[in-house]
């Protein structure tokens, strides 16, 4: 009887882990089936994770769970529309002008420096850029119905995650033993801080870039000032190089057409006010909640995620890198306690003595003891 009771207790202890294995297996199968919309699902998951504190704040102010989730979803919807619609409209309105501008560039521009004239073979680059712009316009037009469906899926999924996110979180952590839940909480905290850095901090910096770039492009006489400003704001999401990817080609364009004054103005003012100032003015004030995620690691995650996963990799790449770094830090703290890397290198009990004087002294002491014996 006692053996049967023990077996039942053992089975009861294993039950959560078996269920967790079933959930993981079904999750893999589901991800394979939903592969075409997996990016949309991941995007909704990350946005919902950022908006959950907003929903909690609304509920504490008197809203119900349902209305709080709806209000937070509306915030996410409006933010997404505000971020993406100007870019889409600008590309739709200005794409033909951009194509004409690139086509009008000289195929072999000449640059004079210190009395010497240099000819640059730019025809192949020009043709590649024109092919890219034409292909991008065609692909975007064909993808519009699919993008509309994915956006609707994003909104519906965002609402569902905000409404039932707490239950899903409790179910996900339930199989984890209590002794290891501090690790889960640490990784979750790092994920939240990283997503804050990607969404909130980057979005605020992009808005500051837009506010600075539009008056500058307008003052310098660019007809498509708003389009250029929007492009600079979007490029702010690209770590390290950011809006420089826009300012540098414009500068090179003015050099190609021989307008060195305009090239100098946009090169100096653009890099200083558009590419550098928003990072200095906005980022430090919001970075306290981003866990100090370094720019180099962010760049590695951004580029790796973009090339591997596509557009969603812009978010997932840095997130995975940040969680991995947090796991490495937890392992280092667990194994090495408070020891520094230098102390670990110096503290090697198996290292043979390297001081020749100490070796000779030990040898002499041993010889003396042998003689005395």
Foldseek 3Di string as FASTA:
>chain_A
DVVVVVVVVVCVLCVLVVVLVVVVVVVVVVCVVCVVLVLLLVVLVLLLLQLLVQLVVVVVVPDDLLVSLVVSLVVVLVVVCVLPVVQVVLCVVCLVVVLVLLVPFDQWFWFDDPNDIDTDRRNVVSVVVNVVSVVVVVVCVVCVVVVVVSSVVSSVSNSVCSSCVVVVVCSNCVSPDPVCVVLVVLLSLLLNLQSCCLPVLLLQLLVQLLVQQLVLCVVLPDPSSNNLSSCQSVQSLQFPCGSVVVLVVVLVRCSRVPNNVSSVSSNVCVCPRRVPVSCVPRNVVPNVSNVCLDRVLLNQQQVVLCVPPNPSSSRVRSSVSSSVVSVVVVVCCVPVPPDDPVNVVVPDVVDDDDDPVVVVVVVVVVVVVVVVD
